[in-house]
Amino acid sequence: MIFVITGPSGVGKSFLVEYLRTEHPDKFTVVKVVTTRPPRANEQAQDRLHVGDLEFNKLIATDKFLIHGKYGGNNYGWLAQDFNKNKMMLTNVWPGILEDFVAVCDAIPIYLQAESDFLRIRMAARGDSTEKIAQRIKIAEADDVLMENLPRLIRLHGKLFKIDSDQVIPEIVHPWVMNKIGK
């Protein structure tokens, strides 16, 4: 079983993955994403492997990815070898690739949605520049439009959560996930 967390930049996707992994290390494993995106300043994420375009393209050419795509000008891919149907897996993705995960992996999507003002605060707190925040908010608004076309997918296979504070993940999302896995 794989939970695929999606939503706009700054909403808390990586936080949710890390929270579940830390709270339940015996239950969850994180599927690393290989990306050409440079690491952010002070980025501590354990769920990413940053590579150059040449290495990424070699992985595509040798069919190492189960799923891959481009988002925000960077490439992202999930290695087929990292998927284990005997474990509860977690990863975070952008909305445009969500349907692929549901089709290929029978994934359970979790969509985290937030207002632009909340996202601006979160992105500023992690050190994003004003220019980068404006760019990410524009992408987030486009993602929300895209998600308007996927409500059936979310409703049938997963759940949408409105994030308006840092407490939503531990108090609402976490119990839902644990209920979904029967714990």
C-alpha atoms as a PDB file:
ATOM      1  CA  MET A   1       0.000   0.000   0.000  1.00  0.00           C
ATOM      2  CA  ILE A   2       1.329   3.445  -0.905  1.00  0.00           C
ATOM      3  CA  PHE A   3       0.046   6.770   0.345  1.00  0.00           C
ATOM      4  CA  VAL A   4       0.760   9.503  -2.186  1.00  0.00           C
ATOM      5  CA  ILE A   5       0.683  12.945  -0.620  1.00  0.00           C
ATOM      6  CA  THR A   6       0.042  15.828  -2.981  1.00  0.00           C
ATOM      7  CA  GLY A   7      -0.692  19.527  -2.773  1.00  0.00           C
ATOM      8  CA  PRO A   8       0.966  22.874  -3.407  1.00  0.00           C
ATOM      9  CA  SER A   9       4.464  23.843  -2.387  1.00  0.00           C
ATOM     10  CA  GLY A  10       4.652  24.757   1.299  1.00  0.00           C
ATOM     11  CA  VAL A  11       1.454  22.950   2.348  1.00  0.00           C
ATOM     12  CA  GLY A  12       3.237  20.316   4.434  1.00  0.00           C
ATOM     13  CA  LYS A  13       3.687  17.283   2.166  1.00  0.00           C
ATOM     14  CA  SER A  14       7.215  16.539   3.376  1.00  0.00           C
ATOM     15  CA  PHE A  15       6.155  17.290   6.948  1.00  0.00           C
ATOM     16  CA  LEU A  16       3.381  14.683   6.735  1.00  0.00           C
ATOM     17  CA  VAL A  17       5.716  12.056   5.268  1.00  0.00           C
ATOM     18  CA  GLU A  18       8.322  12.690   7.975  1.00  0.00           C
ATOM     19  CA  TYR A  19       5.690  12.819  10.729  1.00  0.00           C
ATOM     20  CA  LEU A  20       4.234   9.423   9.799  1.00  0.00           C
ATOM     21  CA  ARG A  21       7.683   7.868   9.336  1.00  0.00           C
ATOM     22  CA  THR A  22       8.918   9.207  12.683  1.00  0.00           C
ATOM     23  CA  GLU A  23       5.765   8.294  14.630  1.00  0.00           C
ATOM     24  CA  HIS A  24       5.586   4.791  13.112  1.00  0.00           C
ATOM     25  CA  PRO A  25       9.056   3.736  11.891  1.00  0.00           C
ATOM     26  CA  ASP A  26       8.030   0.082  12.042  1.00  0.00           C
ATOM     27  CA  LYS A  27       4.990   0.652   9.786  1.00  0.00           C
ATOM     28  CA  PHE A  28       6.061   3.129   7.103  1.00  0.00           C
ATOM     29  CA  THR A  29       8.895   3.396   4.618  1.00  0.00           C
ATOM     30  CA  VAL A  30       9.541   6.415   2.425  1.00  0.00           C
ATOM     31  CA  VAL A  31       9.902   5.982  -1.326  1.00  0.00           C
ATOM     32  CA  LYS A  32      12.677   8.356  -2.296  1.00  0.00           C
ATOM     33  CA  VAL A  33      12.206  10.663  -5.224  1.00  0.00           C
ATOM     34  CA  VAL A  34      15.131  11.293  -7.542  1.00  0.00           C
ATOM     35  CA  THR A  35      15.134  14.924  -8.650  1.00  0.00           C
ATOM     36  CA  THR A  36      17.151  17.403 -10.648  1.00  0.00           C
ATOM     37  CA  ARG A  37      15.914  20.173  -8.339  1.00  0.00           C
ATOM     38  CA  PRO A  38      18.814  21.602  -6.352  1.00  0.00           C
ATOM     39  CA  PRO A  39      18.458  21.187  -2.577  1.00  0.00           C
ATOM     40  CA  ARG A  40      16.954  24.146  -0.756  1.00  0.00           C
ATOM     41  CA  ALA A  41      19.042  26.004   1.801  1.00  0.00           C
ATOM     42  CA  ASN A  42      18.936  24.070   5.088  1.00  0.00           C
ATOM     43  CA  GLU A  43      16.962  21.237   3.449  1.00  0.00           C
ATOM     44  CA  GLN A  44      17.028  18.169   5.699  1.00  0.00           C
ATOM     45  CA  ALA A  45      14.686  15.957   3.662  1.00  0.00           C
ATOM     46  CA  GLN A  46      15.520  12.264   3.723  1.00  0.00           C
ATOM     47  CA  ASP A  47      13.079  11.472   0.916  1.00  0.00           C
ATOM     48  CA  ARG A  48      15.011  12.988  -2.011  1.00  0.00           C
ATOM     49  CA  LEU A  49      18.084  12.173  -4.027  1.00  0.00           C
ATOM     50  CA  HIS A  50      19.365  15.214  -5.929  1.00  0.00           C
ATOM     51  CA  VAL A  51      21.095  14.385  -9.233  1.00  0.00           C
ATOM     52  CA  GLY A  52      22.112  16.188 -12.402  1.00  0.00           C
ATOM     53  CA  ASP A  53      20.236  16.050 -15.706  1.00  0.00           C
ATOM     54  CA  LEU A  54      22.735  13.603 -17.225  1.00  0.00           C
ATOM     55  CA  GLU A  55      22.325  11.062 -14.405  1.00  0.00           C
ATOM     56  CA  PHE A  56      18.535  11.485 -14.445  1.00  0.00           C
ATOM     57  CA  ASN A  57      18.410  10.863 -18.196  1.00  0.00           C
ATOM     58  CA  LYS A  58      20.539   7.712 -17.774  1.00  0.00           C
ATOM     59  CA  LEU A  59      17.969   6.399 -15.272  1.00  0.00           C
ATOM     60  CA  ILE A  60      15.207   7.021 -17.823  1.00  0.00           C
ATOM     61  CA  ALA A  61      17.201   5.368 -20.625  1.00  0.00           C
ATOM     62  CA  THR A  62      17.766   2.247 -18.499  1.00  0.00           C
ATOM     63  CA  ASP A  63      14.100   1.995 -17.410  1.00  0.00           C
ATOM     64  CA  LYS A  64      14.928   2.428 -13.709  1.00  0.00           C
ATOM     65  CA  PHE A  65      11.888   4.589 -12.971  1.00  0.00           C
ATOM     66  CA  LEU A  66       8.420   3.233 -12.287  1.00  0.00           C
ATOM     67  CA  ILE A  67       7.059   6.778 -12.743  1.00  0.00           C
ATOM     68  CA  HIS A  68       8.754  10.032 -13.748  1.00  0.00           C
ATOM     69  CA  GLY A  69       7.807  13.495 -14.943  1.00  0.00           C
ATOM     70  CA  LYS A  70       8.664  17.174 -14.968  1.00  0.00           C
ATOM     71  CA  TYR A  71       7.335  19.803 -12.570  1.00  0.00           C
ATOM     72  CA  GLY A  72       8.351  23.405 -11.988  1.00  0.00           C
ATOM     73  CA  GLY A  73      11.198  23.052 -14.480  1.00  0.00           C
ATOM     74  CA  ASN A  74      12.759  20.056 -12.675  1.00  0.00           C
ATOM     75  CA  ASN A  75      12.640  16.325 -13.291  1.00  0.00           C
ATOM     76  CA  TYR A  76      11.325  13.892 -10.673  1.00  0.00           C
ATOM     77  CA  GLY A  77      11.331  10.105 -10.736  1.00  0.00           C
ATOM     78  CA  TRP A  78      10.519   7.161  -8.468  1.00  0.00           C
ATOM     79  CA  LEU A  79      12.776   4.110  -8.825  1.00  0.00           C
ATOM     80  CA  ALA A  80      10.924   0.864  -9.492  1.00  0.00           C
ATOM     81  CA  GLN A  81      13.255  -0.986  -7.095  1.00  0.00           C
ATOM     82  CA  ASP A  82      12.002   1.130  -4.169  1.00  0.00           C
ATOM     83  CA  PHE A  83       8.414  -0.112  -4.377  1.00  0.00           C
ATOM     84  CA  ASN A  84       7.624  -2.959  -2.002  1.00  0.00           C
ATOM     85  CA  LYS A  85       4.033  -4.180  -1.827  1.00  0.00           C
ATOM     86  CA  ASN A  86       4.708  -5.749   1.582  1.00  0.00           C
ATOM     87  CA  LYS A  87       5.302  -2.361   3.237  1.00  0.00           C
ATOM     88  CA  MET A  88       3.250   0.764   3.872  1.00  0.00           C
ATOM     89  CA  MET A  89       4.942   3.315   1.634  1.00  0.00           C
ATOM     90  CA  LEU A  90       4.855   7.113   1.606  1.00  0.00           C
ATOM     91  CA  THR A  91       5.855   9.638  -1.029  1.00  0.00           C
ATOM     92  CA  ASN A  92       4.880  13.134  -2.042  1.00  0.00           C
ATOM     93  CA  VAL A  93       4.084  14.245  -5.569  1.00  0.00           C
ATOM     94  CA  TRP A  94       2.656  17.142  -7.551  1.00  0.00           C
ATOM     95  CA  PRO A  95      -1.030  16.919  -8.525  1.00  0.00           C
ATOM     96  CA  GLY A  96      -0.369  16.424 -12.236  1.00  0.00           C
ATOM     97  CA  ILE A  97       1.233  13.014 -11.699  1.00  0.00           C
ATOM     98  CA  LEU A  98      -1.283  11.754  -9.133  1.00  0.00           C
ATOM     99  CA  GLU A  99      -3.385   9.822 -11.663  1.00  0.00           C
ATOM    100  CA  ASP A 100      -0.274   7.900 -12.769  1.00  0.00           C
ATOM    101  CA  PHE A 101       0.388   6.763  -9.203  1.00  0.00           C
ATOM    102  CA  VAL A 102      -3.201   5.625  -8.702  1.00  0.00           C
ATOM    103  CA  ALA A 103      -3.163   3.731 -12.014  1.00  0.00           C
ATOM    104  CA  VAL A 104       0.277   2.128 -11.654  1.00  0.00           C
ATOM    105  CA  CYS A 105       0.493   1.565  -7.899  1.00  0.00           C
ATOM    106  CA  ASP A 106      -3.133   1.498  -6.729  1.00  0.00           C
ATOM    107  CA  ALA A 107      -2.071   4.411  -4.531  1.00  0.00           C
ATOM    108  CA  ILE A 108      -4.142   6.115  -1.857  1.00  0.00           C
ATOM    109  CA  PRO A 109      -3.990   9.855  -2.599  1.00  0.00           C
ATOM    110  CA  ILE A 110      -3.956  12.434   0.175  1.00  0.00           C
ATOM    111  CA  TYR A 111      -4.491  15.951  -1.112  1.00  0.00           C
ATOM    112  CA  LEU A 112      -3.415  18.754   1.223  1.00  0.00           C
ATOM    113  CA  GLN A 113      -5.007  22.076   0.305  1.00  0.00           C
ATOM    114  CA  ALA A 114      -4.375  25.517   1.828  1.00  0.00           C
ATOM    115  CA  GLU A 115      -5.088  29.171   1.206  1.00  0.00           C
ATOM    116  CA  SER A 116      -2.368  31.222  -0.508  1.00  0.00           C
ATOM    117  CA  ASP A 117      -1.718  33.348   2.604  1.00  0.00           C
ATOM    118  CA  PHE A 118      -0.978  30.224   4.681  1.00  0.00           C
ATOM    119  CA  LEU A 119       1.365  28.941   1.957  1.00  0.00           C
ATOM    120  CA  ARG A 120       3.209  32.275   1.799  1.00  0.00           C
ATOM    121  CA  ILE A 121       3.847  32.144   5.545  1.00  0.00           C
ATOM    122  CA  ARG A 122       5.094  28.538   5.388  1.00  0.00           C
ATOM    123  CA  MET A 123       7.381  29.202   2.401  1.00  0.00           C
ATOM    124  CA  ALA A 124       8.828  32.350   4.002  1.00  0.00           C
ATOM    125  CA  ALA A 125       9.494  30.377   7.205  1.00  0.00           C
ATOM    126  CA  ARG A 126      11.526  27.808   5.264  1.00  0.00           C
ATOM    127  CA  GLY A 127      13.606  30.586   3.708  1.00  0.00           C
ATOM    128  CA  ASP A 128      12.146  30.908   0.201  1.00  0.00           C
ATOM    129  CA  SER A 129      12.737  34.266  -1.503  1.00  0.00           C
ATOM    130  CA  THR A 130       9.843  36.625  -2.277  1.00  0.00           C
ATOM    131  CA  GLU A 131      10.321  35.869  -5.980  1.00  0.00           C
ATOM    132  CA  LYS A 132      10.309  32.101  -5.384  1.00  0.00           C
ATOM    133  CA  ILE A 133       7.189  32.393  -3.205  1.00  0.00           C
ATOM    134  CA  ALA A 134       5.341  34.335  -5.917  1.00  0.00           C
ATOM    135  CA  GLN A 135       6.372  31.721  -8.492  1.00  0.00           C
ATOM    136  CA  ARG A 136       5.259  28.845  -6.222  1.00  0.00           C
ATOM    137  CA  ILE A 137       1.911  30.516  -5.407  1.00  0.00           C
ATOM    138  CA  LYS A 138       1.232  30.796  -9.145  1.00  0.00           C
ATOM    139  CA  ILE A 139       2.006  27.077  -9.549  1.00  0.00           C
ATOM    140  CA  ALA A 140      -0.153  26.271  -6.487  1.00  0.00           C
ATOM    141  CA  GLU A 141      -3.114  28.108  -8.007  1.00  0.00           C
ATOM    142  CA  ALA A 142      -2.660  26.130 -11.257  1.00  0.00           C
ATOM    143  CA  ASP A 143      -2.449  22.910  -9.195  1.00  0.00           C
ATOM    144  CA  ASP A 144      -5.731  23.767  -7.466  1.00  0.00           C
ATOM    145  CA  VAL A 145      -7.384  24.206 -10.886  1.00  0.00           C
ATOM    146  CA  LEU A 146      -5.975  20.829 -11.936  1.00  0.00           C
ATOM    147  CA  MET A 147      -7.292  19.230  -8.747  1.00  0.00           C
ATOM    148  CA  GLU A 148     -10.787  20.504  -9.553  1.00  0.00           C
ATOM    149  CA  ASN A 149     -10.729  17.920 -12.353  1.00  0.00           C
ATOM    150  CA  LEU A 150      -9.738  15.083 -10.004  1.00  0.00           C
ATOM    151  CA  PRO A 151     -12.386  15.105  -7.236  1.00  0.00           C
ATOM    152  CA  ARG A 152     -13.687  11.662  -8.180  1.00  0.00           C
ATOM    153  CA  LEU A 153     -10.179  10.204  -7.998  1.00  0.00           C
ATOM    154  CA  ILE A 154      -9.659  11.722  -4.545  1.00  0.00           C
ATOM    155  CA  ARG A 155     -13.137  10.767  -3.329  1.00  0.00           C
ATOM    156  CA  LEU A 156     -12.893   7.153  -4.553  1.00  0.00           C
ATOM    157  CA  HIS A 157      -9.306   6.430  -3.578  1.00  0.00           C
ATOM    158  CA  GLY A 158      -8.233   8.901  -0.889  1.00  0.00           C
ATOM    159  CA  LYS A 159      -9.071  12.122   0.912  1.00  0.00           C
ATOM    160  CA  LEU A 160      -8.696  15.903   0.692  1.00  0.00           C
ATOM    161  CA  PHE A 161      -7.620  17.784   3.824  1.00  0.00           C
ATOM    162  CA  LYS A 162      -7.762  21.557   4.239  1.00  0.00           C
ATOM    163  CA  ILE A 163      -4.599  22.694   6.001  1.00  0.00           C
ATOM    164  CA  ASP A 164      -5.044  25.904   7.976  1.00  0.00           C
ATOM    165  CA  SER A 165      -2.674  25.199  10.868  1.00  0.00           C
ATOM    166  CA  ASP A 166       0.252  22.953  11.700  1.00  0.00           C
ATOM    167  CA  GLN A 167      -2.052  20.909  13.959  1.00  0.00           C
ATOM    168  CA  VAL A 168      -4.207  19.503  11.135  1.00  0.00           C
ATOM    169  CA  ILE A 169      -1.607  16.887  10.218  1.00  0.00           C
ATOM    170  CA  PRO A 170      -1.101  15.329  13.679  1.00  0.00           C
ATOM    171  CA  GLU A 171      -4.701  15.767  14.838  1.00  0.00           C
ATOM    172  CA  ILE A 172      -6.725  14.968  11.688  1.00  0.00           C
ATOM    173  CA  VAL A 173      -4.610  13.534   8.856  1.00  0.00           C
ATOM    174  CA  HIS A 174      -2.572  11.149  11.036  1.00  0.00           C
ATOM    175  CA  PRO A 175      -5.612   9.414  12.589  1.00  0.00           C
ATOM    176  CA  TRP A 176      -7.225   9.074   9.143  1.00  0.00           C
ATOM    177  CA  VAL A 177      -4.117   7.363   7.744  1.00  0.00           C
ATOM    178  CA  MET A 178      -3.873   5.015  10.722  1.00  0.00           C
ATOM    179  CA  ASN A 179      -7.562   4.142  10.353  1.00  0.00           C
ATOM    180  CA  LYS A 180      -7.007   3.478   6.632  1.00  0.00           C
ATOM    181  CA  ILE A 181      -4.300   0.897   7.419  1.00  0.00           C
ATOM    182  CA  GLY A 182      -6.394  -0.616  10.179  1.00  0.00           C
ATOM    183  CA  LYS A 183      -4.258   0.457  13.140  1.00  0.00           C
END
